């Protein structure tokens, strides 16, 4: 019976340490922040690209009509 009690106590201690460990939560938070920054950059680049594309189409049409 002694070895089983020791194994249960050891498993409980390991589980307790895992519950108190916050490194995984910090990594998850940094991952979420990185994902939001990436999405913001993607949205910004897409909107700038759309505006720039419209501008270049206007310039192209103006040059073609000037001939």
PDB file of N, CA and C in Angstrom:
ATOM      1  N   UNK A   1       0.804  -1.181   0.000  1.00  0.00           N
ATOM      2  CA  UNK A   1       0.000   0.000   0.000  1.00  0.00           C
ATOM      3  C   UNK A   1       0.860   1.264   0.000  1.00  0.00           C
ATOM      4  N   UNK A   2       2.047   1.182   0.538  1.00  0.00           N
ATOM      5  CA  UNK A   2       2.932   2.327   0.603  1.00  0.00           C
ATOM      6  C   UNK A   2       3.281   2.894  -0.779  1.00  0.00           C
ATOM      7  N   UNK A   3       3.681   2.062  -1.765  1.00  0.00           N
ATOM      8  CA  UNK A   3       4.051   2.617  -3.068  1.00  0.00           C
ATOM      9  C   UNK A   3       2.893   3.353  -3.749  1.00  0.00           C
ATOM     10  N   UNK A   4       1.674   2.880  -3.579  1.00  0.00           N
ATOM     11  CA  UNK A   4       0.522   3.531  -4.187  1.00  0.00           C
ATOM     12  C   UNK A   4       0.289   4.908  -3.564  1.00  0.00           C
ATOM     13  N   UNK A   5       0.432   5.009  -2.268  1.00  0.00           N
ATOM     14  CA  UNK A   5       0.268   6.291  -1.580  1.00  0.00           C
ATOM     15  C   UNK A   5       1.321   7.280  -2.049  1.00  0.00           C
ATOM     16  N   UNK A   6       2.551   6.813  -2.187  1.00  0.00           N
ATOM     17  CA  UNK A   6       3.633   7.675  -2.661  1.00  0.00           C
ATOM     18  C   UNK A   6       3.340   8.165  -4.080  1.00  0.00           C
ATOM     19  N   UNK A   7       2.860   7.283  -4.944  1.00  0.00           N
ATOM     20  CA  UNK A   7       2.559   7.650  -6.332  1.00  0.00           C
ATOM     21  C   UNK A   7       1.418   8.670  -6.403  1.00  0.00           C
ATOM     22  N   UNK A   8       0.418   8.497  -5.564  1.00  0.00           N
ATOM     23  CA  UNK A   8      -0.702   9.440  -5.548  1.00  0.00           C
ATOM     24  C   UNK A   8      -0.232  10.808  -5.062  1.00  0.00           C
ATOM     25  N   UNK A   9       0.587  10.826  -4.002  1.00  0.00           N
ATOM     26  CA  UNK A   9       1.099  12.098  -3.489  1.00  0.00           C
ATOM     27  C   UNK A   9       1.981  12.785  -4.532  1.00  0.00           C
ATOM     28  N   UNK A  10       2.793  12.014  -5.216  1.00  0.00           N
ATOM     29  CA  UNK A  10       3.669  12.581  -6.242  1.00  0.00           C
ATOM     30  C   UNK A  10       2.844  13.133  -7.399  1.00  0.00           C
ATOM     31  N   UNK A  11       1.817  12.414  -7.830  1.00  0.00           N
ATOM     32  CA  UNK A  11       0.951  12.885  -8.905  1.00  0.00           C
ATOM     33  C   UNK A  11       0.207  14.149  -8.487  1.00  0.00           C
ATOM     34  N   UNK A  12      -0.246  14.214  -7.245  1.00  0.00           N
ATOM     35  CA  UNK A  12      -0.938  15.400  -6.746  1.00  0.00           C
ATOM     36  C   UNK A  12       0.014  16.593  -6.706  1.00  0.00           C
ATOM     37  N   UNK A  13       1.250  16.366  -6.309  1.00  0.00           N
ATOM     38  CA  UNK A  13       2.244  17.444  -6.284  1.00  0.00           C
ATOM     39  C   UNK A  13       2.542  17.960  -7.685  1.00  0.00           C
ATOM     40  N   UNK A  14       2.670  17.052  -8.635  1.00  0.00           N
ATOM     41  CA  UNK A  14       2.913  17.448 -10.025  1.00  0.00           C
ATOM     42  C   UNK A  14       1.734  18.234 -10.580  1.00  0.00           C
ATOM     43  N   UNK A  15       0.534  17.779 -10.308  1.00  0.00           N
ATOM     44  CA  UNK A  15      -0.666  18.477 -10.764  1.00  0.00           C
ATOM     45  C   UNK A  15      -0.764  19.861 -10.134  1.00  0.00           C
ATOM     46  N   UNK A  16      -0.411  19.966  -8.866  1.00  0.00           N
ATOM     47  CA  UNK A  16      -0.441  21.253  -8.173  1.00  0.00           C
ATOM     48  C   UNK A  16       0.550  22.228  -8.803  1.00  0.00           C
ATOM     49  N   UNK A  17       1.742  21.770  -9.133  1.00  0.00           N
ATOM     50  CA  UNK A  17       2.736  22.626  -9.789  1.00  0.00           C
ATOM     51  C   UNK A  17       2.252  23.080 -11.154  1.00  0.00           C
ATOM     52  N   UNK A  18       1.624  22.193 -11.911  1.00  0.00           N
ATOM     53  CA  UNK A  18       1.122  22.549 -13.239  1.00  0.00           C
ATOM     54  C   UNK A  18       0.026  23.607 -13.159  1.00  0.00           C
ATOM     55  N   UNK A  19      -0.818  23.520 -12.143  1.00  0.00           N
ATOM     56  CA  UNK A  19      -1.897  24.488 -11.978  1.00  0.00           C
ATOM     57  C   UNK A  19      -1.332  25.864 -11.626  1.00  0.00           C
ATOM     58  N   UNK A  20      -0.274  25.900 -10.812  1.00  0.00           N
ATOM     59  CA  UNK A  20       0.321  27.175 -10.394  1.00  0.00           C
ATOM     60  C   UNK A  20       1.228  27.786 -11.455  1.00  0.00           C
ATOM     61  N   UNK A  21       1.698  26.991 -12.428  1.00  0.00           N
ATOM     62  CA  UNK A  21       2.621  27.467 -13.452  1.00  0.00           C
ATOM     63  C   UNK A  21       1.903  28.422 -14.406  1.00  0.00           C
ATOM     64  N   UNK A  22       2.420  29.623 -14.577  1.00  0.00           N
ATOM     65  CA  UNK A  22       1.788  30.650 -15.416  1.00  0.00           C
ATOM     66  C   UNK A  22       2.537  30.876 -16.732  1.00  0.00           C
ATOM     67  N   UNK A  23       3.588  30.129 -16.995  1.00  0.00           N
ATOM     68  CA  UNK A  23       4.353  30.353 -18.221  1.00  0.00           C
ATOM     69  C   UNK A  23       3.515  30.061 -19.458  1.00  0.00           C
ATOM     70  N   UNK A  24       2.682  29.059 -19.418  1.00  0.00           N
ATOM     71  CA  UNK A  24       1.832  28.743 -20.565  1.00  0.00           C
ATOM     72  C   UNK A  24       0.809  29.833 -20.818  1.00  0.00           C
ATOM     73  N   UNK A  25       0.283  30.415 -19.764  1.00  0.00           N
ATOM     74  CA  UNK A  25      -0.685  31.505 -19.917  1.00  0.00           C
ATOM     75  C   UNK A  25      -0.018  32.724 -20.535  1.00  0.00           C
ATOM     76  N   UNK A  26       1.197  33.023 -20.137  1.00  0.00           N
ATOM     77  CA  UNK A  26       1.926  34.154 -20.693  1.00  0.00           C
ATOM     78  C   UNK A  26       2.208  33.932 -22.168  1.00  0.00           C
ATOM     79  N   UNK A  27       2.614  32.737 -22.533  1.00  0.00           N
ATOM     80  CA  UNK A  27       2.871  32.430 -23.944  1.00  0.00           C
ATOM     81  C   UNK A  27       1.590  32.566 -24.762  1.00  0.00           C
ATOM     82  N   UNK A  28       0.489  32.146 -24.211  1.00  0.00           N
ATOM     83  CA  UNK A  28      -0.790  32.269 -24.910  1.00  0.00           C
ATOM     84  C   UNK A  28      -1.161  33.735 -25.083  1.00  0.00           C
ATOM     85  N   UNK A  29      -0.954  34.540 -24.060  1.00  0.00           N
ATOM     86  CA  UNK A  29      -1.248  35.970 -24.153  1.00  0.00           C
ATOM     87  C   UNK A  29      -0.395  36.640 -25.220  1.00  0.00           C
ATOM     88  N   UNK A  30       0.897  36.319 -25.240  1.00  0.00           N
ATOM     89  CA  UNK A  30       1.766  36.893 -26.266  1.00  0.00           C
ATOM     90  C   UNK A  30       1.342  36.432 -27.657  1.00  0.00           C
ATOM     91  N   UNK A  31       0.913  35.207 -27.783  1.00  0.00           N
ATOM     92  CA  UNK A  31       0.436  34.711 -29.069  1.00  0.00           C
ATOM     93  C   UNK A  31      -0.799  35.458 -29.540  1.00  0.00           C
ATOM     94  N   UNK A  32      -1.724  35.729 -28.625  1.00  0.00           N
ATOM     95  CA  UNK A  32      -2.927  36.489 -28.985  1.00  0.00           C
ATOM     96  C   UNK A  32      -2.584  37.929 -29.376  1.00  0.00           C
ATOM     97  N   UNK A  33      -1.675  38.552 -28.637  1.00  0.00           N
ATOM     98  CA  UNK A  33      -1.250  39.911 -28.975  1.00  0.00           C
ATOM     99  C   UNK A  33      -0.621  39.926 -30.364  1.00  0.00           C
ATOM    100  N   UNK A  34       0.224  38.960 -30.640  1.00  0.00           N
ATOM    101  CA  UNK A  34       0.868  38.869 -31.950  1.00  0.00           C
ATOM    102  C   UNK A  34      -0.163  38.668 -33.053  1.00  0.00           C
ATOM    103  N   UNK A  35      -1.170  37.858 -32.813  1.00  0.00           N
ATOM    104  CA  UNK A  35      -2.221  37.625 -33.812  1.00  0.00           C
ATOM    105  C   UNK A  35      -3.003  38.905 -34.081  1.00  0.00           C
ATOM    106  N   UNK A  36      -3.328  39.665 -33.035  1.00  0.00           N
ATOM    107  CA  UNK A  36      -4.061  40.912 -33.223  1.00  0.00           C
ATOM    108  C   UNK A  36      -3.216  41.953 -33.955  1.00  0.00           C
ATOM    109  N   UNK A  37      -1.935  42.027 -33.653  1.00  0.00           N
ATOM    110  CA  UNK A  37      -1.057  42.950 -34.363  1.00  0.00           C
ATOM    111  C   UNK A  37      -0.972  42.564 -35.834  1.00  0.00           C
ATOM    112  N   UNK A  38      -0.856  41.278 -36.111  1.00  0.00           N
ATOM    113  CA  UNK A  38      -0.803  40.804 -37.490  1.00  0.00           C
ATOM    114  C   UNK A  38      -2.091  41.163 -38.232  1.00  0.00           C
ATOM    115  N   UNK A  39      -3.239  40.962 -37.601  1.00  0.00           N
ATOM    116  CA  UNK A  39      -4.511  41.302 -38.242  1.00  0.00           C
ATOM    117  C   UNK A  39      -4.616  42.801 -38.501  1.00  0.00           C
ATOM    118  N   UNK A  40      -4.175  43.615 -37.568  1.00  0.00           N
ATOM    119  CA  UNK A  40      -4.215  45.068 -37.759  1.00  0.00           C
ATOM    120  C   UNK A  40      -3.320  45.482 -38.926  1.00  0.00           C
ATOM    121  N   UNK A  41      -2.128  44.900 -39.003  1.00  0.00           N
ATOM    122  CA  UNK A  41      -1.237  45.198 -40.119  1.00  0.00           C
ATOM    123  C   UNK A  41      -1.830  44.739 -41.445  1.00  0.00           C
ATOM    124  N   UNK A  42      -2.431  43.574 -41.454  1.00  0.00           N
ATOM    125  CA  UNK A  42      -3.044  43.049 -42.672  1.00  0.00           C
ATOM    126  C   UNK A  42      -4.180  43.953 -43.144  1.00  0.00           C
ATOM    127  N   UNK A  43      -5.014  44.383 -42.231  1.00  0.00           N
ATOM    128  CA  UNK A  43      -6.122  45.279 -42.587  1.00  0.00           C
ATOM    129  C   UNK A  43      -5.576  46.618 -43.085  1.00  0.00           C
ATOM    130  N   UNK A  44      -4.557  47.141 -42.430  1.00  0.00           N
ATOM    131  CA  UNK A  44      -3.959  48.407 -42.845  1.00  0.00           C
ATOM    132  C   UNK A  44      -3.330  48.331 -44.221  1.00  0.00           C
ATOM    133  N   UNK A  45      -2.566  47.290 -44.465  1.00  0.00           N
ATOM    134  CA  UNK A  45      -1.911  47.130 -45.766  1.00  0.00           C
ATOM    135  C   UNK A  45      -2.950  46.920 -46.865  1.00  0.00           C
ATOM    136  N   UNK A  46      -3.991  46.183 -46.575  1.00  0.00           N
ATOM    137  CA  UNK A  46      -5.043  45.957 -47.568  1.00  0.00           C
ATOM    138  C   UNK A  46      -5.746  47.258 -47.926  1.00  0.00           C
ATOM    139  N   UNK A  47      -6.067  48.069 -46.929  1.00  0.00           N
ATOM    140  CA  UNK A  47      -6.765  49.330 -47.212  1.00  0.00           C
ATOM    141  C   UNK A  47      -5.859  50.300 -47.964  1.00  0.00           C
ATOM    142  N   UNK A  48      -4.590  50.366 -47.605  1.00  0.00           N
ATOM    143  CA  UNK A  48      -3.646  51.232 -48.325  1.00  0.00           C
ATOM    144  C   UNK A  48      -3.467  50.718 -49.754  1.00  0.00           C
ATOM    145  N   UNK A  49      -3.391  49.412 -49.921  1.00  0.00           N
ATOM    146  CA  UNK A  49      -3.253  48.842 -51.265  1.00  0.00           C
ATOM    147  C   UNK A  49      -4.450  49.143 -52.139  1.00  0.00           C
ATOM    148  N   UNK A  50      -5.643  49.082 -51.575  1.00  0.00           N
ATOM    149  CA  UNK A  50      -6.857  49.386 -52.335  1.00  0.00           C
ATOM    150  C   UNK A  50      -6.869  50.854 -52.752  1.00  0.00           C
ATOM    151  N   UNK A  51      -6.525  51.747 -51.840  1.00  0.00           N
ATOM    152  CA  UNK A  51      -6.491  53.184 -52.156  1.00  0.00           C
ATOM    153  C   UNK A  51      -5.419  53.477 -53.206  1.00  0.00           C
ATOM    154  N   UNK A  52      -4.265  52.862 -53.070  1.00  0.00           N
ATOM    155  CA  UNK A  52      -3.179  53.077 -54.021  1.00  0.00           C
ATOM    156  C   UNK A  52      -3.548  52.524 -55.393  1.00  0.00           C
ATOM    157  N   UNK A  53      -4.197  51.405 -55.425  1.00  0.00           N
ATOM    158  CA  UNK A  53      -4.625  50.820 -56.690  1.00  0.00           C
ATOM    159  C   UNK A  53      -5.595  51.748 -57.408  1.00  0.00           C
ATOM    160  N   UNK A  54      -6.543  52.310 -56.669  1.00  0.00           N
ATOM    161  CA  UNK A  54      -7.479  53.261 -57.267  1.00  0.00           C
ATOM    162  C   UNK A  54      -6.760  54.484 -57.811  1.00  0.00           C
ATOM    163  N   UNK A  55      -5.773  54.953 -57.081  1.00  0.00           N
ATOM    164  CA  UNK A  55      -5.007  56.116 -57.519  1.00  0.00           C
ATOM    165  C   UNK A  55      -4.268  55.821 -58.819  1.00  0.00           C
ATOM    166  N   UNK A  56      -3.626  54.651 -58.894  1.00  0.00           N
ATOM    167  CA  UNK A  56      -2.864  54.312 -60.095  1.00  0.00           C
ATOM    168  C   UNK A  56      -3.782  54.064 -61.291  1.00  0.00           C
ATOM    169  N   UNK A  57      -4.973  53.564 -61.056  1.00  0.00           N
ATOM    170  CA  UNK A  57      -5.931  53.406 -62.155  1.00  0.00           C
ATOM    171  C   UNK A  57      -6.342  54.779 -62.686  1.00  0.00           C
ATOM    172  N   UNK A  58      -6.525  55.732 -61.793  1.00  0.00           N
ATOM    173  CA  UNK A  58      -6.872  57.098 -62.186  1.00  0.00           C
ATOM    174  C   UNK A  58      -5.728  57.709 -63.001  1.00  0.00           C
ATOM    175  N   UNK A  59      -4.501  57.542 -62.524  1.00  0.00           N
ATOM    176  CA  UNK A  59      -3.335  58.088 -63.232  1.00  0.00           C
ATOM    177  C   UNK A  59      -3.208  57.435 -64.604  1.00  0.00           C
ATOM    178  N   UNK A  60      -3.397  56.145 -64.674  1.00  0.00           N
ATOM    179  CA  UNK A  60      -3.309  55.426 -65.940  1.00  0.00           C
ATOM    180  C   UNK A  60      -4.359  55.918 -66.927  1.00  0.00           C
ATOM    181  N   UNK A  61      -5.574  56.098 -66.441  1.00  0.00           N
ATOM    182  CA  UNK A  61      -6.638  56.622 -67.312  1.00  0.00           C
ATOM    183  C   UNK A  61      -6.360  58.033 -67.771  1.00  0.00           C
ATOM    184  N   UNK A  62      -5.816  58.861 -66.903  1.00  0.00           N
ATOM    185  CA  UNK A  62      -5.489  60.242 -67.269  1.00  0.00           C
ATOM    186  C   UNK A  62      -4.393  60.294 -68.307  1.00  0.00           C
ATOM    187  N   UNK A  63      -3.401  59.445 -68.175  1.00  0.00           N
ATOM    188  CA  UNK A  63      -2.296  59.411 -69.141  1.00  0.00           C
ATOM    189  C   UNK A  63      -2.806  58.889 -70.474  1.00  0.00           C
ATOM    190  N   UNK A  64      -3.651  57.875 -70.459  1.00  0.00           N
ATOM    191  CA  UNK A  64      -4.181  57.322 -71.715  1.00  0.00           C
ATOM    192  C   UNK A  64      -5.046  58.353 -72.430  1.00  0.00           C
ATOM    193  N   UNK A  65      -5.814  59.142 -71.710  1.00  0.00           N
ATOM    194  CA  UNK A  65      -6.675  60.153 -72.319  1.00  0.00           C
ATOM    195  C   UNK A  65      -5.886  61.374 -72.791  1.00  0.00           C
ATOM    196  N   UNK A  66      -4.670  61.575 -72.292  1.00  0.00           N
ATOM    197  CA  UNK A  66      -3.871  62.745 -72.657  1.00  0.00           C
ATOM    198  C   UNK A  66      -3.245  62.562 -74.038  1.00  0.00           C
ATOM    199  N   UNK A  67      -3.163  61.394 -74.547  1.00  0.00           N
ATOM    200  CA  UNK A  67      -2.508  61.170 -75.844  1.00  0.00           C
ATOM    201  C   UNK A  67      -3.319  61.681 -76.948  1.00  0.00           C
TER     202      UNK A  67
END
